[in-house]
Amino acid sequence: MKFKFFANTILILIVVLVSCKDNKQSKVTKNEDSKTVTSIQQKIANLEDSNNNQIIVVSHRGDWRNAPENSLQAIKNCIEMGVDMVEIDIRETKDGELVLMHDKTIDRTTTGQGLVKEWTLDSLRTLSLIDGLGVETQHKIPTLREALNMAKGKILVNLDKSYHIFDKCYKIIEETGMQNQVVIKGAKPLSDVEREFGDYLDKVHFMPILGLPNNIANEIVEEYLSSRNIPVAFEFTVKHDSIKFIKEFKNIRSRGSSVWVNALWPQHNAGHDDEKAVQNLSIYDWFIDNNIDIIQTDRPELLLKYLRSKGLHN
């Protein structure tokens, strides 16, 4: 009788413990989902607010140092790292599908050769991506749809090399419900953008690209800032420190557009690039001091750590 009572007691305890564990796991999952939703809402709000002190970090081609560029793993790494936005490149295949690929050819980044437009999606799926060291990996070329589905609710996305095929891109953006998470850019004057892209200006975030120095930079920027759809940001290439227009960055932000400058290579940022920052983190102060609030980088982990140490990234 005692044994039967003891056995029943043990059984009840096991059921209670399992139930508690399930409830705890459920709560954790719920909390994690809640944090994810809050996180993307904060990223979108930050993108749309050019006047706060939080600097947006954009990872160039994903986390390509630890995964093949433009791969799903490269995007996933950025999400886990807390990067705000991932930049990916879009190309069209022979059969009209949209895939992630920077170059016109697949030679450098896959086990195949030739132009992207000469391959069908199914044939591209037979290839493997190559990492930054030239080593074949298990990763495959992703489609734009796959990339957006992975990013949805987690990270902002900048579509590069997509302007001329944006009709097709937008269809997928709309089908995946990613309109408020996508930024498209183009080196075009406002008149061209309104004619070629006008139907989308109030549906996704658009960013003009402008190389500096430029004799008519003031006119181009003023035209955009005075338009009905003020750009979410301007991307500037800054060749040297003596460019006077740099002083306009503060004014541009005060009028509702953020300022994006790449930290990738020295010709983009007057020599204040990622590789110098590896040896001297204060290199990134140039961006902070010049009122730049969006930085595209090849060193996302390094930049995030530095900005967080200064209270400039959550």
Protein backbone atom coordinates (compact mmCIF):
# COMPACT_ATOMS: atom_id res chain seq x y z
CA MET A 1 0.00 0.00 0.00
CA LYS A 2 2.82 2.36 0.92
CA PHE A 3 4.61 1.50 -2.31
CA LYS A 4 1.49 2.23 -4.35
CA PHE A 5 1.06 5.59 -2.57
CA PHE A 6 4.73 6.43 -3.14
CA ALA A 7 4.52 5.51 -6.83
CA ASN A 8 1.42 7.64 -7.34
CA THR A 9 3.11 10.56 -5.59
CA ILE A 10 6.15 10.29 -7.86
CA LEU A 11 3.90 10.14 -10.92
CA ILE A 12 2.05 13.30 -9.86
CA LEU A 13 5.33 15.14 -9.28
CA ILE A 14 6.58 14.18 -12.73
CA VAL A 15 3.38 15.42 -14.38
CA VAL A 16 3.59 18.72 -12.46
CA LEU A 17 7.25 19.23 -13.37
CA VAL A 18 6.65 18.50 -17.04
CA SER A 19 3.67 20.85 -17.05
CA CYS A 20 5.73 23.62 -15.45
CA LYS A 21 8.51 23.08 -17.96
CA ASP A 22 6.08 23.30 -20.89
CA ASN A 23 4.55 26.47 -19.49
CA LYS A 24 8.00 27.98 -18.98
CA GLN A 25 9.03 27.14 -22.55
CA SER A 26 5.78 28.61 -23.85
CA LYS A 27 6.42 31.83 -21.96
CA VAL A 28 9.99 32.05 -23.22
CA THR A 29 8.85 31.57 -26.80
CA LYS A 30 6.16 34.19 -26.37
CA ASN A 31 8.64 36.63 -24.84
CA GLU A 32 11.17 35.98 -27.59
CA ASP A 33 8.51 36.65 -30.23
CA SER A 34 7.51 39.82 -28.42
CA LYS A 35 11.10 41.04 -28.39
CA THR A 36 11.44 40.30 -32.10
CA VAL A 37 8.34 42.33 -32.92
CA THR A 38 9.49 45.20 -30.71
CA SER A 39 12.93 45.06 -32.27
CA ILE A 40 11.75 45.45 -35.86
CA GLN A 41 9.31 48.17 -34.83
CA GLN A 42 12.22 50.04 -33.25
CA LYS A 43 14.33 49.57 -36.39
CA ILE A 44 11.58 50.95 -38.62
CA ALA A 45 10.93 53.86 -36.23
CA ASN A 46 14.64 54.65 -36.15
CA LEU A 47 14.85 54.55 -39.95
CA GLU A 48 11.96 57.01 -40.18
CA ASP A 49 13.42 59.34 -37.53
CA SER A 50 16.40 61.28 -38.84
CA ASN A 51 16.75 63.36 -35.68
CA ASN A 52 17.49 60.85 -32.93
CA ASN A 53 20.99 59.86 -31.83
CA GLN A 54 20.80 56.18 -32.75
CA ILE A 55 23.06 55.22 -35.66
CA ILE A 56 21.75 52.57 -38.06
CA VAL A 57 24.22 49.81 -38.94
CA VAL A 58 23.91 48.26 -42.41
CA SER A 59 25.84 45.09 -43.19
CA HIS A 60 27.23 44.99 -46.74
CA ARG A 61 26.16 41.79 -48.57
CA GLY A 62 25.31 40.32 -45.21
CA ASP A 63 27.89 38.97 -42.78
CA TRP A 64 30.14 37.90 -45.63
CA ARG A 65 33.23 37.35 -43.50
CA ASN A 66 31.55 34.43 -41.74
CA ALA A 67 29.25 33.14 -44.50
CA PRO A 68 29.09 33.45 -48.29
CA GLU A 69 28.01 36.94 -49.36
CA ASN A 70 24.33 37.30 -50.24
CA SER A 71 23.52 33.96 -48.64
CA LEU A 72 20.67 33.20 -46.24
CA GLN A 73 23.26 32.37 -43.58
CA ALA A 74 24.87 35.79 -44.05
CA ILE A 75 21.47 37.39 -43.41
CA LYS A 76 20.77 35.13 -40.43
CA ASN A 77 24.11 36.05 -38.86
CA CYS A 78 23.21 39.75 -39.14
CA ILE A 79 19.85 39.16 -37.46
CA GLU A 80 21.50 37.33 -34.57
CA MET A 81 24.17 40.04 -34.27
CA GLY A 82 21.58 42.81 -33.92
CA VAL A 83 22.38 44.56 -37.19
CA ASP A 84 19.64 47.02 -38.24
CA MET A 85 19.71 46.48 -42.00
CA VAL A 86 21.22 44.03 -44.44
CA GLU A 87 22.23 45.09 -47.96
CA ILE A 88 21.68 42.48 -50.67
CA ASP A 89 22.10 42.53 -54.46
CA ILE A 90 19.40 41.38 -56.87
CA ARG A 91 19.82 39.85 -60.34
CA GLU A 92 17.35 38.32 -62.79
CA THR A 93 17.75 34.80 -64.14
CA LYS A 94 17.12 33.54 -67.67
CA ASP A 95 13.61 32.48 -66.69
CA GLY A 96 12.78 35.77 -64.96
CA GLU A 97 13.37 34.73 -61.35
CA LEU A 98 15.07 37.10 -58.89
CA VAL A 99 18.11 35.84 -56.99
CA LEU A 100 20.78 37.29 -54.71
CA MET A 101 24.00 37.90 -56.62
CA HIS A 102 26.31 40.91 -56.70
CA ASP A 103 28.17 40.35 -59.96
CA LYS A 104 26.66 39.99 -63.42
CA THR A 105 28.42 36.63 -63.57
CA ILE A 106 28.43 33.75 -61.10
CA ASP A 107 32.15 33.04 -61.53
CA ARG A 108 33.48 34.66 -58.34
CA THR A 109 30.88 33.52 -55.83
CA THR A 110 29.69 30.08 -57.03
CA THR A 111 30.97 26.80 -58.39
CA GLY A 112 29.59 27.71 -61.83
CA GLN A 113 30.51 30.13 -64.59
CA GLY A 114 28.70 32.54 -66.87
CA LEU A 115 26.17 35.34 -66.68
CA VAL A 116 23.30 35.11 -64.19
CA LYS A 117 20.88 35.90 -67.02
CA GLU A 118 22.13 32.83 -68.94
CA TRP A 119 21.08 30.43 -66.15
CA THR A 120 17.61 29.33 -65.09
CA LEU A 121 16.78 29.21 -61.40
CA ASP A 122 16.69 25.41 -61.37
CA SER A 123 20.16 25.22 -62.91
CA LEU A 124 21.53 27.77 -60.44
CA ARG A 125 20.17 25.62 -57.61
CA THR A 126 22.61 22.87 -58.59
CA LEU A 127 25.57 25.12 -57.73
CA SER A 128 27.17 25.90 -54.38
CA LEU A 129 28.19 29.28 -53.05
CA ILE A 130 31.87 30.04 -52.45
CA ASP A 131 32.97 31.91 -49.33
CA GLY A 132 35.29 34.90 -49.06
CA LEU A 133 38.33 32.63 -49.08
CA GLY A 134 37.26 30.90 -52.28
CA VAL A 135 36.18 27.71 -50.52
CA GLU A 136 33.10 25.81 -51.69
CA THR A 137 30.32 25.69 -49.09
CA GLN A 138 27.02 23.86 -48.59
CA HIS A 139 25.06 27.08 -49.13
CA LYS A 140 22.92 27.69 -52.23
CA ILE A 141 21.96 30.83 -54.15
CA PRO A 142 18.83 32.23 -52.49
CA THR A 143 15.88 33.85 -54.20
CA LEU A 144 14.68 37.31 -53.24
CA ARG A 145 11.52 35.74 -51.82
CA GLU A 146 13.54 33.46 -49.53
CA ALA A 147 15.66 36.37 -48.34
CA LEU A 148 12.65 38.57 -47.58
CA ASN A 149 10.88 35.76 -45.75
CA MET A 150 13.94 35.26 -43.58
CA ALA A 151 14.21 39.00 -42.86
CA LYS A 152 10.51 39.57 -42.22
CA GLY A 153 9.86 40.90 -38.73
CA LYS A 154 13.56 40.79 -37.89
CA ILE A 155 15.74 43.13 -39.97
CA LEU A 156 15.50 45.93 -42.54
CA VAL A 157 16.61 45.17 -46.09
CA ASN A 158 18.33 47.37 -48.67
CA LEU A 159 17.93 46.12 -52.23
CA ASP A 160 20.89 47.07 -54.38
CA LYS A 161 21.12 46.62 -58.16
CA SER A 162 17.34 46.39 -58.25
CA TYR A 163 16.16 49.75 -59.58
CA HIS A 164 15.73 48.64 -63.21
CA ILE A 165 13.83 45.48 -62.18
CA PHE A 166 11.90 47.00 -59.33
CA ASP A 167 8.48 46.20 -60.79
CA LYS A 168 9.31 42.53 -60.28
CA CYS A 169 10.94 43.18 -56.92
CA TYR A 170 7.92 45.08 -55.65
CA LYS A 171 5.57 42.23 -56.51
CA ILE A 172 7.56 39.94 -54.21
CA ILE A 173 7.93 42.67 -51.56
CA GLU A 174 4.15 43.07 -51.55
CA GLU A 175 3.44 39.34 -51.49
CA THR A 176 5.76 38.88 -48.50
CA GLY A 177 4.37 41.95 -46.71
CA MET A 178 7.77 43.63 -46.52
CA GLN A 179 6.94 47.13 -47.79
CA ASN A 180 7.89 48.92 -44.56
CA GLN A 181 11.14 46.96 -44.15
CA VAL A 182 12.66 47.55 -47.60
CA VAL A 183 14.84 50.43 -48.80
CA ILE A 184 15.55 50.85 -52.52
CA LYS A 185 18.08 53.33 -53.86
CA GLY A 186 19.04 54.92 -57.13
CA ALA A 187 21.50 57.48 -58.51
CA LYS A 188 18.79 59.41 -60.33
CA PRO A 189 17.41 62.96 -60.27
CA LEU A 190 13.93 63.38 -58.82
CA SER A 191 12.28 63.89 -62.22
CA ASP A 192 13.54 60.51 -63.44
CA VAL A 193 12.58 58.77 -60.21
CA GLU A 194 9.05 60.16 -60.29
CA ARG A 195 8.63 59.08 -63.90
CA GLU A 196 10.17 55.60 -63.52
CA PHE A 197 9.44 54.82 -59.90
CA GLY A 198 6.65 57.18 -58.88
CA ASP A 199 4.05 54.48 -58.25
CA TYR A 200 6.18 53.11 -55.43
CA LEU A 201 7.42 56.25 -53.69
CA ASP A 202 4.65 56.16 -51.11
CA LYS A 203 4.84 52.38 -50.70
CA VAL A 204 8.50 51.68 -49.89
CA HIS A 205 11.43 53.69 -48.60
CA PHE A 206 13.47 55.34 -51.37
CA MET A 207 17.01 56.71 -51.06
CA PRO A 208 18.83 58.80 -53.70
CA ILE A 209 22.58 58.24 -54.17
CA LEU A 210 24.83 61.24 -54.66
CA GLY A 211 28.59 61.31 -55.18
CA LEU A 212 30.53 64.19 -53.63
CA PRO A 213 31.96 66.53 -54.74
CA ASN A 214 29.12 67.54 -57.01
CA ASN A 215 28.61 71.08 -58.28
CA ILE A 216 24.83 70.80 -58.18
CA ALA A 217 24.52 68.77 -54.97
CA ASN A 218 22.58 71.55 -53.25
CA GLU A 219 20.03 71.74 -56.06
CA ILE A 220 19.55 67.98 -56.24
CA VAL A 221 19.08 67.59 -52.50
CA GLU A 222 16.79 70.63 -52.24
CA GLU A 223 14.58 69.28 -55.00
CA TYR A 224 14.14 66.00 -53.13
CA LEU A 225 13.60 67.65 -49.73
CA SER A 226 10.94 69.94 -51.21
CA SER A 227 9.05 67.09 -52.86
CA ARG A 228 5.87 65.40 -51.69
CA ASN A 229 7.76 62.22 -50.76
CA ILE A 230 10.86 63.24 -48.81
CA PRO A 231 13.45 60.44 -49.07
CA VAL A 232 14.03 58.34 -45.99
CA ALA A 233 17.75 59.03 -46.50
CA PHE A 234 20.43 60.19 -48.92
CA GLU A 235 23.44 57.99 -49.61
CA PHE A 236 26.57 60.07 -50.12
CA THR A 237 30.00 59.09 -51.36
CA VAL A 238 32.53 61.43 -49.73
CA LYS A 239 35.89 61.42 -51.50
CA HIS A 240 37.78 63.84 -49.25
CA ASP A 241 37.37 65.85 -46.05
CA SER A 242 37.56 69.25 -47.72
CA ILE A 243 34.17 68.85 -49.41
CA LYS A 244 32.07 71.75 -48.12
CA PHE A 245 28.78 69.96 -48.61
CA ILE A 246 29.54 67.73 -45.60
CA LYS A 247 28.39 70.67 -43.47
CA GLU A 248 24.90 70.25 -44.96
CA PHE A 249 24.40 66.81 -43.41
CA LYS A 250 23.05 68.29 -40.16
CA ASN A 251 20.51 70.40 -42.06
CA ILE A 252 19.41 67.43 -44.19
CA ARG A 253 18.69 65.41 -41.07
CA SER A 254 16.78 68.28 -39.47
CA ARG A 255 14.51 68.34 -42.51
CA GLY A 256 13.57 64.67 -42.26
CA SER A 257 16.11 62.63 -44.25
CA SER A 258 18.87 60.53 -42.77
CA VAL A 259 22.46 60.60 -44.07
CA TRP A 260 24.02 57.30 -45.22
CA VAL A 261 27.77 56.98 -45.86
CA ASN A 262 29.63 53.73 -46.49
CA ALA A 263 32.57 52.70 -44.32
CA LEU A 264 33.57 50.05 -46.87
CA TRP A 265 36.44 51.57 -48.83
CA PRO A 266 38.43 54.80 -48.38
CA GLN A 267 37.05 56.47 -51.52
CA HIS A 268 33.58 56.34 -49.95
CA ASN A 269 34.41 58.13 -46.70
CA ALA A 270 37.42 60.41 -47.11
CA GLY A 271 39.71 57.62 -45.93
CA HIS A 272 37.83 56.75 -42.74
CA ASP A 273 37.18 53.13 -43.65
CA ASP A 274 36.56 49.82 -41.89
CA GLU A 275 40.06 48.46 -42.33
CA LYS A 276 41.61 51.48 -40.61
CA ALA A 277 39.04 51.07 -37.83
CA VAL A 278 40.33 47.56 -37.15
CA GLN A 279 43.54 49.17 -35.93
CA ASN A 280 41.95 52.32 -34.49
CA LEU A 281 38.25 52.31 -33.56
CA SER A 282 38.17 56.08 -33.24
CA ILE A 283 38.19 56.17 -37.07
CA TYR A 284 34.41 55.73 -36.76
CA ASP A 285 34.21 59.05 -34.89
CA TRP A 286 34.42 60.78 -38.28
CA PHE A 287 30.94 59.47 -39.09
CA ILE A 288 29.55 60.52 -35.71
CA ASP A 289 31.14 63.97 -35.83
CA ASN A 290 29.77 64.65 -39.33
CA ASN A 291 26.13 63.90 -38.49
CA ILE A 292 26.00 60.61 -40.38
CA ASP A 293 23.33 58.35 -38.91
CA ILE A 294 23.42 55.36 -41.29
CA ILE A 295 26.70 53.51 -41.82
CA GLN A 296 27.11 50.60 -44.21
CA THR A 297 29.99 48.42 -43.11
CA ASP A 298 32.01 45.31 -43.87
CA ARG A 299 32.76 45.03 -40.13
CA PRO A 300 29.29 44.97 -38.51
CA GLU A 301 30.36 43.31 -35.27
CA LEU A 302 33.19 45.81 -34.76
CA LEU A 303 31.03 48.84 -35.54
CA LEU A 304 28.14 47.67 -33.35
CA LYS A 305 30.44 47.15 -30.39
CA TYR A 306 31.91 50.64 -30.78
CA LEU A 307 28.59 52.42 -31.21
CA ARG A 308 27.09 50.59 -28.24
CA SER A 309 30.02 51.63 -26.07
CA LYS A 310 29.07 55.24 -26.87
CA GLY A 311 25.33 54.80 -26.35
CA LEU A 312 24.64 55.29 -30.06
CA HIS A 313 23.09 51.87 -30.72
CA ASN A 314 20.62 49.86 -28.66
